[in-house]
Amino acid sequence: MSTVTKTRVLGFSLVELMIGIAILGILIAVAIPSYRTWILNAQVRNAAESIQNGLQRARAEALKRNTNVSFTLGAANDSSWSVQVGGGGVPLGNILESRLSNEGSNSVILTPVPAVATTVTFDILGRPIAGGLTSVGIDSTILPTAESQDLSVTIGIGGNIKMCDPNVSSPNPRAC
């Protein structure tokens, strides 16, 4: 009587490995365009949040310092900004905070409202002084309109600052 020992071979065959690599390649090819769109929309959100934070900082500093504080956007097609003491009849002083456009949001376009305004000045009560910036639209310079998630940062009459989506209708809380 002879005994036959069975040995188990562990691992993958060449055919199984090639099928796995083919499936992985197909999944990557399908996912890359969506990933690119997601990254570019994240840059739009990053720029909108940065502008909202800068506006909130300017308003808070105006209340804290009991003087006018200005928020100024950078050049066109640029998400840079600065917060500076003064403005609205008060001489401009030192810069409290600033952000450069190359800090994460270099593929966005800003649309200030009114179109020529780039500055808003908050008074000692945290209200915007008339004639300044009332909202900023943020959009991607690379993505087509159908894929881009447009955002807007608005400044209310009382100084409240809100980030909203102009493509969403009310009563959704994200609507402008």
N, C-alpha and C. Protein backbone atom coordinates (compact mmCIF):
# COMPACT_ATOMS: atom_id res chain seq x y z
N MET A 1 0.82 -1.15 0.00
CA MET A 1 0.00 0.00 0.00
C MET A 1 0.88 1.24 0.00
N SER A 2 0.64 2.04 -0.98
CA SER A 2 1.45 3.25 -1.08
C SER A 2 0.61 4.45 -0.65
N THR A 3 1.29 5.34 -0.05
CA THR A 3 0.61 6.56 0.38
C THR A 3 0.98 7.70 -0.55
N VAL A 4 -0.03 8.37 -0.99
CA VAL A 4 0.18 9.52 -1.88
C VAL A 4 -0.11 10.78 -1.07
N THR A 5 0.86 11.66 -1.04
CA THR A 5 0.66 12.91 -0.32
C THR A 5 0.26 14.00 -1.32
N LYS A 6 -0.75 14.71 -0.94
CA LYS A 6 -1.22 15.81 -1.80
C LYS A 6 -0.60 17.10 -1.28
N THR A 7 -0.03 17.84 -2.19
CA THR A 7 0.53 19.14 -1.81
C THR A 7 -0.34 20.23 -2.43
N ARG A 8 -0.60 21.25 -1.65
CA ARG A 8 -1.38 22.39 -2.14
C ARG A 8 -0.44 23.45 -2.65
N VAL A 9 -0.72 23.92 -3.81
CA VAL A 9 0.08 25.00 -4.37
C VAL A 9 -0.61 26.31 -4.03
N LEU A 10 0.11 27.21 -3.39
CA LEU A 10 -0.43 28.50 -3.02
C LEU A 10 -0.01 29.55 -4.04
N GLY A 11 -0.88 30.54 -4.24
CA GLY A 11 -0.54 31.63 -5.16
C GLY A 11 -1.53 31.70 -6.31
N PHE A 12 -1.19 32.51 -7.30
CA PHE A 12 -2.05 32.73 -8.45
C PHE A 12 -1.39 32.15 -9.68
N SER A 13 -2.23 31.71 -10.61
CA SER A 13 -1.68 31.29 -11.90
C SER A 13 -1.47 32.55 -12.75
N LEU A 14 -0.76 32.41 -13.81
CA LEU A 14 -0.49 33.54 -14.70
C LEU A 14 -1.78 34.09 -15.30
N VAL A 15 -2.71 33.23 -15.63
CA VAL A 15 -3.99 33.65 -16.21
C VAL A 15 -4.78 34.47 -15.18
N GLU A 16 -4.84 34.00 -13.94
CA GLU A 16 -5.55 34.74 -12.90
C GLU A 16 -4.93 36.11 -12.66
N LEU A 17 -3.63 36.16 -12.66
CA LEU A 17 -2.93 37.43 -12.47
C LEU A 17 -3.22 38.41 -13.61
N MET A 18 -3.21 37.94 -14.84
CA MET A 18 -3.47 38.81 -15.99
C MET A 18 -4.92 39.33 -15.98
N ILE A 19 -5.87 38.48 -15.58
CA ILE A 19 -7.26 38.92 -15.49
C ILE A 19 -7.41 39.99 -14.41
N GLY A 20 -6.76 39.81 -13.28
CA GLY A 20 -6.79 40.81 -12.20
C GLY A 20 -6.21 42.14 -12.64
N ILE A 21 -5.09 42.12 -13.35
CA ILE A 21 -4.46 43.35 -13.84
C ILE A 21 -5.36 44.03 -14.87
N ALA A 22 -6.02 43.27 -15.73
CA ALA A 22 -6.92 43.85 -16.73
C ALA A 22 -8.11 44.54 -16.06
N ILE A 23 -8.68 43.90 -15.05
CA ILE A 23 -9.80 44.50 -14.32
C ILE A 23 -9.35 45.78 -13.61
N LEU A 24 -8.19 45.75 -12.98
CA LEU A 24 -7.66 46.94 -12.31
C LEU A 24 -7.44 48.08 -13.31
N GLY A 25 -6.91 47.77 -14.49
CA GLY A 25 -6.70 48.79 -15.52
C GLY A 25 -7.99 49.43 -15.98
N ILE A 26 -9.03 48.63 -16.14
CA ILE A 26 -10.33 49.16 -16.56
C ILE A 26 -10.90 50.07 -15.48
N LEU A 27 -10.80 49.65 -14.22
CA LEU A 27 -11.30 50.49 -13.11
C LEU A 27 -10.56 51.81 -13.03
N ILE A 28 -9.27 51.80 -13.20
CA ILE A 28 -8.49 53.04 -13.16
C ILE A 28 -8.87 53.95 -14.32
N ALA A 29 -9.03 53.39 -15.52
CA ALA A 29 -9.40 54.20 -16.69
C ALA A 29 -10.76 54.86 -16.51
N VAL A 30 -11.67 54.20 -15.82
CA VAL A 30 -12.99 54.78 -15.58
C VAL A 30 -12.94 55.83 -14.47
N ALA A 31 -12.10 55.64 -13.47
CA ALA A 31 -12.08 56.51 -12.30
C ALA A 31 -11.30 57.81 -12.50
N ILE A 32 -10.31 57.84 -13.35
CA ILE A 32 -9.45 59.03 -13.47
C ILE A 32 -10.21 60.29 -13.86
N PRO A 33 -11.10 60.28 -14.85
CA PRO A 33 -11.83 61.53 -15.16
C PRO A 33 -12.67 62.04 -13.98
N SER A 34 -13.32 61.15 -13.26
CA SER A 34 -14.10 61.57 -12.10
C SER A 34 -13.21 62.13 -11.01
N TYR A 35 -12.07 61.54 -10.81
CA TYR A 35 -11.13 62.02 -9.80
C TYR A 35 -10.63 63.42 -10.15
N ARG A 36 -10.34 63.67 -11.41
CA ARG A 36 -9.88 64.99 -11.87
C ARG A 36 -10.96 66.04 -11.61
N THR A 37 -12.21 65.72 -11.95
CA THR A 37 -13.32 66.63 -11.71
C THR A 37 -13.47 66.92 -10.22
N TRP A 38 -13.36 65.88 -9.41
CA TRP A 38 -13.48 66.05 -7.96
C TRP A 38 -12.38 66.97 -7.42
N ILE A 39 -11.15 66.78 -7.88
CA ILE A 39 -10.02 67.62 -7.43
C ILE A 39 -10.24 69.08 -7.82
N LEU A 40 -10.66 69.34 -9.05
CA LEU A 40 -10.86 70.72 -9.50
C LEU A 40 -12.03 71.38 -8.78
N ASN A 41 -13.09 70.63 -8.49
CA ASN A 41 -14.20 71.18 -7.71
C ASN A 41 -13.78 71.42 -6.26
N ALA A 42 -12.86 70.61 -5.75
CA ALA A 42 -12.34 70.85 -4.40
C ALA A 42 -11.54 72.15 -4.36
N GLN A 43 -10.85 72.49 -5.45
CA GLN A 43 -10.12 73.76 -5.51
C GLN A 43 -11.10 74.94 -5.50
N VAL A 44 -12.25 74.81 -6.17
CA VAL A 44 -13.27 75.86 -6.15
C VAL A 44 -13.78 76.03 -4.72
N ARG A 45 -14.09 74.93 -4.04
CA ARG A 45 -14.56 75.00 -2.65
C ARG A 45 -13.49 75.58 -1.74
N ASN A 46 -12.24 75.21 -1.96
CA ASN A 46 -11.14 75.74 -1.15
C ASN A 46 -11.04 77.25 -1.30
N ALA A 47 -11.15 77.75 -2.53
CA ALA A 47 -11.08 79.19 -2.76
C ALA A 47 -12.27 79.90 -2.11
N ALA A 48 -13.47 79.31 -2.22
CA ALA A 48 -14.67 79.92 -1.63
C ALA A 48 -14.55 79.95 -0.11
N GLU A 49 -14.10 78.87 0.49
CA GLU A 49 -13.94 78.84 1.95
C GLU A 49 -12.88 79.83 2.41
N SER A 50 -11.82 79.96 1.63
CA SER A 50 -10.76 80.91 1.98
C SER A 50 -11.29 82.34 1.97
N ILE A 51 -12.03 82.69 0.93
CA ILE A 51 -12.60 84.05 0.84
C ILE A 51 -13.59 84.28 1.97
N GLN A 52 -14.42 83.28 2.25
CA GLN A 52 -15.38 83.40 3.36
C GLN A 52 -14.64 83.60 4.68
N ASN A 53 -13.57 82.85 4.92
CA ASN A 53 -12.80 83.00 6.15
C ASN A 53 -12.14 84.37 6.24
N GLY A 54 -11.63 84.87 5.11
CA GLY A 54 -11.03 86.20 5.10
C GLY A 54 -12.05 87.30 5.42
N LEU A 55 -13.24 87.18 4.85
CA LEU A 55 -14.30 88.15 5.13
C LEU A 55 -14.71 88.09 6.61
N GLN A 56 -14.84 86.89 7.14
CA GLN A 56 -15.20 86.76 8.55
C GLN A 56 -14.10 87.31 9.45
N ARG A 57 -12.85 87.12 9.06
CA ARG A 57 -11.73 87.67 9.84
C ARG A 57 -11.78 89.20 9.83
N ALA A 58 -12.03 89.79 8.65
CA ALA A 58 -12.11 91.25 8.56
C ALA A 58 -13.24 91.79 9.42
N ARG A 59 -14.39 91.15 9.38
CA ARG A 59 -15.53 91.60 10.19
C ARG A 59 -15.23 91.47 11.68
N ALA A 60 -14.64 90.35 12.08
CA ALA A 60 -14.31 90.14 13.49
C ALA A 60 -13.27 91.15 13.98
N GLU A 61 -12.29 91.46 13.14
CA GLU A 61 -11.26 92.44 13.52
C GLU A 61 -11.86 93.84 13.65
N ALA A 62 -12.84 94.17 12.80
CA ALA A 62 -13.49 95.48 12.91
C ALA A 62 -14.22 95.60 14.25
N LEU A 63 -14.88 94.53 14.65
CA LEU A 63 -15.57 94.54 15.95
C LEU A 63 -14.56 94.58 17.10
N LYS A 64 -13.52 93.79 16.98
CA LYS A 64 -12.52 93.68 18.06
C LYS A 64 -11.73 94.98 18.25
N ARG A 65 -11.32 95.60 17.14
CA ARG A 65 -10.46 96.78 17.20
C ARG A 65 -11.24 98.09 17.28
N ASN A 66 -12.56 98.01 17.10
CA ASN A 66 -13.40 99.20 17.14
C ASN A 66 -12.95 100.24 16.10
N THR A 67 -12.63 99.74 14.93
CA THR A 67 -12.23 100.61 13.81
C THR A 67 -12.60 99.91 12.51
N ASN A 68 -12.53 100.63 11.40
CA ASN A 68 -12.82 100.03 10.11
C ASN A 68 -11.72 99.06 9.72
N VAL A 69 -12.12 97.96 9.10
CA VAL A 69 -11.18 96.96 8.59
C VAL A 69 -11.64 96.58 7.19
N SER A 70 -10.69 96.52 6.25
CA SER A 70 -11.00 96.24 4.86
C SER A 70 -10.54 94.85 4.44
N PHE A 71 -11.35 94.24 3.58
CA PHE A 71 -11.01 92.98 2.92
C PHE A 71 -10.84 93.31 1.45
N THR A 72 -9.70 92.95 0.86
CA THR A 72 -9.42 93.29 -0.54
C THR A 72 -9.06 92.03 -1.31
N LEU A 73 -9.77 91.82 -2.44
CA LEU A 73 -9.44 90.71 -3.34
C LEU A 73 -8.22 91.06 -4.16
N GLY A 74 -7.50 90.04 -4.62
CA GLY A 74 -6.34 90.26 -5.48
C GLY A 74 -6.76 90.57 -6.90
N ALA A 75 -5.84 90.39 -7.81
CA ALA A 75 -6.07 90.68 -9.23
C ALA A 75 -7.13 89.74 -9.81
N ALA A 76 -7.60 90.07 -11.01
CA ALA A 76 -8.59 89.25 -11.69
C ALA A 76 -8.04 87.83 -11.91
N ASN A 77 -8.94 86.86 -11.89
CA ASN A 77 -8.59 85.44 -12.05
C ASN A 77 -7.59 84.98 -11.01
N ASP A 78 -7.73 85.48 -9.81
CA ASP A 78 -6.75 85.24 -8.76
C ASP A 78 -7.52 85.14 -7.45
N SER A 79 -7.27 84.11 -6.66
CA SER A 79 -8.01 83.94 -5.42
C SER A 79 -7.27 84.50 -4.21
N SER A 80 -6.33 85.40 -4.45
CA SER A 80 -5.59 86.00 -3.33
C SER A 80 -6.43 87.10 -2.69
N TRP A 81 -6.16 87.38 -1.42
CA TRP A 81 -6.86 88.44 -0.69
C TRP A 81 -6.02 88.90 0.48
N SER A 82 -6.42 90.04 1.05
CA SER A 82 -5.76 90.54 2.26
C SER A 82 -6.78 91.25 3.15
N VAL A 83 -6.49 91.25 4.44
CA VAL A 83 -7.30 91.95 5.45
C VAL A 83 -6.41 93.02 6.04
N GLN A 84 -6.90 94.26 6.03
CA GLN A 84 -6.07 95.39 6.42
C GLN A 84 -6.88 96.36 7.29
N VAL A 85 -6.25 96.89 8.31
CA VAL A 85 -6.90 97.88 9.17
C VAL A 85 -7.10 99.16 8.36
N GLY A 86 -8.28 99.77 8.52
CA GLY A 86 -8.56 101.03 7.84
C GLY A 86 -9.50 100.83 6.67
N GLY A 87 -9.68 101.90 5.91
CA GLY A 87 -10.60 101.90 4.78
C GLY A 87 -11.87 102.63 5.14
N GLY A 88 -12.65 102.98 4.15
CA GLY A 88 -13.91 103.70 4.39
C GLY A 88 -13.70 105.04 5.04
N GLY A 89 -12.70 105.78 4.60
CA GLY A 89 -12.41 107.09 5.17
C GLY A 89 -11.30 107.06 6.21
N VAL A 90 -10.97 105.88 6.72
CA VAL A 90 -9.87 105.74 7.68
C VAL A 90 -8.63 105.32 6.90
N PRO A 91 -7.47 105.98 7.12
CA PRO A 91 -6.26 105.61 6.38
C PRO A 91 -5.92 104.13 6.60
N LEU A 92 -5.47 103.49 5.52
CA LEU A 92 -5.11 102.08 5.60
C LEU A 92 -3.88 101.88 6.46
N GLY A 93 -3.91 100.85 7.27
CA GLY A 93 -2.81 100.54 8.17
C GLY A 93 -2.15 99.22 7.81
N ASN A 94 -1.73 98.50 8.84
CA ASN A 94 -0.99 97.27 8.61
C ASN A 94 -1.91 96.14 8.12
N ILE A 95 -1.31 95.21 7.40
CA ILE A 95 -2.02 94.03 6.90
C ILE A 95 -2.09 93.02 8.03
N LEU A 96 -3.31 92.56 8.35
CA LEU A 96 -3.50 91.61 9.44
C LEU A 96 -3.32 90.17 8.97
N GLU A 97 -3.78 89.89 7.75
CA GLU A 97 -3.70 88.54 7.20
C GLU A 97 -3.80 88.64 5.69
N SER A 98 -3.15 87.72 5.00
CA SER A 98 -3.27 87.68 3.55
C SER A 98 -3.15 86.24 3.07
N ARG A 99 -3.63 86.00 1.86
CA ARG A 99 -3.56 84.68 1.27
C ARG A 99 -3.16 84.84 -0.18
N LEU A 100 -2.23 84.03 -0.62
CA LEU A 100 -1.79 84.05 -2.01
C LEU A 100 -2.59 83.05 -2.82
N SER A 101 -2.74 83.30 -4.12
CA SER A 101 -3.53 82.41 -4.97
C SER A 101 -2.86 81.05 -5.15
N ASN A 102 -1.57 80.97 -4.99
CA ASN A 102 -0.88 79.68 -5.19
C ASN A 102 -0.93 78.79 -3.96
N GLU A 103 -1.76 79.14 -2.98
CA GLU A 103 -1.90 78.32 -1.78
C GLU A 103 -3.01 77.29 -1.92
N GLY A 104 -3.22 76.77 -3.12
CA GLY A 104 -4.16 75.68 -3.29
C GLY A 104 -5.30 75.90 -4.26
N SER A 105 -5.52 77.10 -4.74
CA SER A 105 -6.66 77.36 -5.62
C SER A 105 -6.22 78.16 -6.83
N ASN A 106 -5.37 77.57 -7.65
CA ASN A 106 -4.82 78.33 -8.77
C ASN A 106 -5.60 78.15 -10.07
N SER A 107 -6.68 77.37 -10.08
CA SER A 107 -7.45 77.19 -11.31
C SER A 107 -8.89 77.67 -11.14
N VAL A 108 -9.06 78.80 -10.44
CA VAL A 108 -10.40 79.35 -10.24
C VAL A 108 -10.47 80.76 -10.81
N ILE A 109 -11.69 81.17 -11.10
CA ILE A 109 -11.93 82.53 -11.56
C ILE A 109 -12.95 83.16 -10.61
N LEU A 110 -12.68 84.39 -10.23
CA LEU A 110 -13.56 85.11 -9.32
C LEU A 110 -14.35 86.16 -10.08
N THR A 111 -15.62 86.31 -9.72
CA THR A 111 -16.48 87.31 -10.33
C THR A 111 -17.05 88.18 -9.22
N PRO A 112 -16.43 89.34 -8.94
CA PRO A 112 -16.96 90.20 -7.88
C PRO A 112 -18.24 90.92 -8.31
N VAL A 113 -19.11 91.20 -7.36
CA VAL A 113 -20.32 91.98 -7.59
C VAL A 113 -20.32 93.11 -6.58
N PRO A 114 -20.43 94.36 -7.02
CA PRO A 114 -20.40 94.86 -8.39
C PRO A 114 -19.07 94.55 -9.08
N ALA A 115 -19.10 94.54 -10.39
CA ALA A 115 -17.98 94.05 -11.19
C ALA A 115 -16.68 94.80 -10.94
N VAL A 116 -16.74 96.08 -10.61
CA VAL A 116 -15.51 96.86 -10.42
C VAL A 116 -15.02 96.85 -8.98
N ALA A 117 -15.83 96.30 -8.07
CA ALA A 117 -15.46 96.32 -6.65
C ALA A 117 -14.51 95.18 -6.32
N THR A 118 -13.50 95.48 -5.56
CA THR A 118 -12.59 94.45 -5.07
C THR A 118 -12.40 94.56 -3.56
N THR A 119 -13.03 95.54 -2.94
CA THR A 119 -12.84 95.78 -1.51
C THR A 119 -14.18 95.94 -0.81
N VAL A 120 -14.26 95.41 0.39
CA VAL A 120 -15.38 95.69 1.28
C VAL A 120 -14.78 96.11 2.62
N THR A 121 -15.35 97.17 3.20
CA THR A 121 -14.87 97.68 4.48
C THR A 121 -15.97 97.48 5.51
N PHE A 122 -15.61 96.88 6.63
CA PHE A 122 -16.55 96.67 7.74
C PHE A 122 -16.35 97.77 8.76
N ASP A 123 -17.47 98.34 9.25
CA ASP A 123 -17.39 99.41 10.26
C ASP A 123 -17.28 98.81 11.66
N ILE A 124 -17.32 99.67 12.67
CA ILE A 124 -17.11 99.21 14.05
C ILE A 124 -18.21 98.30 14.57
N LEU A 125 -19.34 98.24 13.85
CA LEU A 125 -20.43 97.34 14.23
C LEU A 125 -20.45 96.07 13.38
N GLY A 126 -19.43 95.91 12.53
CA GLY A 126 -19.33 94.71 11.69
C GLY A 126 -20.21 94.74 10.46
N ARG A 127 -20.72 95.92 10.10
CA ARG A 127 -21.56 96.06 8.91
C ARG A 127 -20.70 96.53 7.74
N PRO A 128 -21.01 96.08 6.53
CA PRO A 128 -20.26 96.57 5.37
C PRO A 128 -20.65 98.01 5.05
N ILE A 129 -19.67 98.82 4.72
CA ILE A 129 -19.92 100.20 4.32
C ILE A 129 -20.41 100.17 2.88
N ALA A 130 -21.44 100.95 2.56
CA ALA A 130 -22.06 100.95 1.24
C ALA A 130 -21.05 101.23 0.13
N GLY A 131 -21.31 100.64 -1.03
CA GLY A 131 -20.48 100.89 -2.20
C GLY A 131 -19.37 99.88 -2.40
N GLY A 132 -19.25 98.94 -1.50
CA GLY A 132 -18.18 97.95 -1.62
C GLY A 132 -18.68 96.64 -2.21
N LEU A 133 -17.85 95.67 -2.13
CA LEU A 133 -18.11 94.33 -2.61
C LEU A 133 -19.32 93.73 -1.90
N THR A 134 -20.26 93.12 -2.64
CA THR A 134 -21.43 92.49 -2.02
C THR A 134 -21.42 90.97 -2.17
N SER A 135 -20.76 90.45 -3.19
CA SER A 135 -20.64 89.00 -3.34
C SER A 135 -19.50 88.68 -4.30
N VAL A 136 -19.04 87.44 -4.22
CA VAL A 136 -17.97 86.96 -5.10
C VAL A 136 -18.40 85.60 -5.63
N GLY A 137 -18.45 85.45 -6.95
CA GLY A 137 -18.73 84.17 -7.58
C GLY A 137 -17.41 83.44 -7.84
N ILE A 138 -17.38 82.15 -7.58
CA ILE A 138 -16.15 81.36 -7.75
C ILE A 138 -16.47 80.21 -8.69
N ASP A 139 -15.65 80.04 -9.72
CA ASP A 139 -15.86 79.01 -10.74
C ASP A 139 -14.51 78.46 -11.18
N SER A 140 -14.51 77.28 -11.77
CA SER A 140 -13.29 76.66 -12.27
C SER A 140 -12.95 77.22 -13.65
N THR A 141 -11.67 77.44 -13.90
CA THR A 141 -11.23 77.89 -15.22
C THR A 141 -10.98 76.72 -16.16
N ILE A 142 -10.96 75.51 -15.64
CA ILE A 142 -10.61 74.33 -16.44
C ILE A 142 -11.82 73.48 -16.78
N LEU A 143 -12.71 73.26 -15.84
CA LEU A 143 -13.85 72.37 -16.05
C LEU A 143 -14.91 73.01 -16.92
N PRO A 144 -15.62 72.20 -17.72
CA PRO A 144 -16.77 72.73 -18.45
C PRO A 144 -17.89 73.09 -17.47
N THR A 145 -18.77 73.96 -17.87
CA THR A 145 -19.83 74.46 -17.00
C THR A 145 -20.68 73.34 -16.40
N ALA A 146 -20.95 72.30 -17.17
CA ALA A 146 -21.80 71.21 -16.68
C ALA A 146 -21.15 70.44 -15.53
N GLU A 147 -19.83 70.39 -15.49
CA GLU A 147 -19.13 69.62 -14.45
C GLU A 147 -18.67 70.48 -13.28
N SER A 148 -18.61 71.78 -13.46
CA SER A 148 -18.08 72.67 -12.44
C SER A 148 -19.12 72.96 -11.36
N GLN A 149 -18.68 72.96 -10.12
CA GLN A 149 -19.55 73.31 -9.01
C GLN A 149 -19.30 74.78 -8.67
N ASP A 150 -20.14 75.65 -9.21
CA ASP A 150 -20.01 77.08 -8.94
C ASP A 150 -20.41 77.35 -7.50
N LEU A 151 -19.73 78.30 -6.87
CA LEU A 151 -20.08 78.72 -5.52
C LEU A 151 -20.08 80.24 -5.48
N SER A 152 -20.74 80.80 -4.50
CA SER A 152 -20.80 82.24 -4.33
C SER A 152 -20.69 82.55 -2.84
N VAL A 153 -19.92 83.58 -2.52
CA VAL A 153 -19.83 84.07 -1.14
C VAL A 153 -20.50 85.43 -1.12
N THR A 154 -21.55 85.57 -0.32
CA THR A 154 -22.32 86.81 -0.28
C THR A 154 -22.16 87.49 1.07
N ILE A 155 -22.23 88.81 1.03
CA ILE A 155 -22.14 89.64 2.24
C ILE A 155 -23.47 90.34 2.40
N GLY A 156 -24.17 90.04 3.49
CA GLY A 156 -25.48 90.64 3.74
C GLY A 156 -25.36 92.07 4.24
N ILE A 157 -26.49 92.77 4.29
CA ILE A 157 -26.53 94.16 4.72
C ILE A 157 -26.02 94.32 6.15
N GLY A 158 -26.35 93.36 7.00
CA GLY A 158 -25.93 93.42 8.40
C GLY A 158 -24.52 92.90 8.63
N GLY A 159 -23.87 92.39 7.58
CA GLY A 159 -22.51 91.89 7.70
C GLY A 159 -22.40 90.38 7.73
N ASN A 160 -23.56 89.68 7.70
CA ASN A 160 -23.47 88.22 7.69
C ASN A 160 -22.86 87.73 6.38
N ILE A 161 -22.04 86.69 6.46
CA ILE A 161 -21.31 86.17 5.31
C ILE A 161 -21.74 84.73 5.10
N LYS A 162 -22.14 84.41 3.86
CA LYS A 162 -22.68 83.10 3.55
C LYS A 162 -22.07 82.57 2.27
N MET A 163 -21.72 81.28 2.27
CA MET A 163 -21.29 80.61 1.05
C MET A 163 -22.49 79.81 0.54
N CYS A 164 -22.80 79.96 -0.75
CA CYS A 164 -23.98 79.29 -1.30
C CYS A 164 -23.70 78.82 -2.72
N ASP A 165 -24.64 78.01 -3.24
CA ASP A 165 -24.54 77.46 -4.58
C ASP A 165 -25.59 78.16 -5.46
N PRO A 166 -25.17 78.95 -6.45
CA PRO A 166 -26.15 79.68 -7.27
C PRO A 166 -26.99 78.78 -8.17
N ASN A 167 -26.62 77.51 -8.32
CA ASN A 167 -27.36 76.59 -9.18
C ASN A 167 -28.40 75.78 -8.42
N VAL A 168 -28.54 76.02 -7.13
CA VAL A 168 -29.52 75.30 -6.31
C VAL A 168 -30.66 76.26 -6.01
N SER A 169 -31.89 75.76 -6.11
CA SER A 169 -33.04 76.63 -5.86
C SER A 169 -33.54 76.48 -4.44
N SER A 170 -34.23 77.50 -3.99
CA SER A 170 -34.79 77.52 -2.65
C SER A 170 -35.89 76.47 -2.56
N PRO A 171 -36.17 75.86 -1.47
CA PRO A 171 -35.82 76.12 -0.09
C PRO A 171 -34.57 75.39 0.39
N ASN A 172 -33.78 74.86 -0.50
CA ASN A 172 -32.54 74.19 -0.10
C ASN A 172 -31.64 75.17 0.64
N PRO A 173 -31.07 74.80 1.79
CA PRO A 173 -30.23 75.75 2.55
C PRO A 173 -28.95 76.16 1.83
N ARG A 174 -28.54 75.39 0.80
CA ARG A 174 -27.35 75.77 0.04
C ARG A 174 -27.64 76.83 -1.02
N ALA A 175 -28.91 77.15 -1.24
CA ALA A 175 -29.30 78.12 -2.26
C ALA A 175 -28.92 79.54 -1.86
N CYS A 176 -28.67 80.35 -2.87
CA CYS A 176 -28.31 81.77 -2.62
C CYS A 176 -29.56 82.59 -2.38
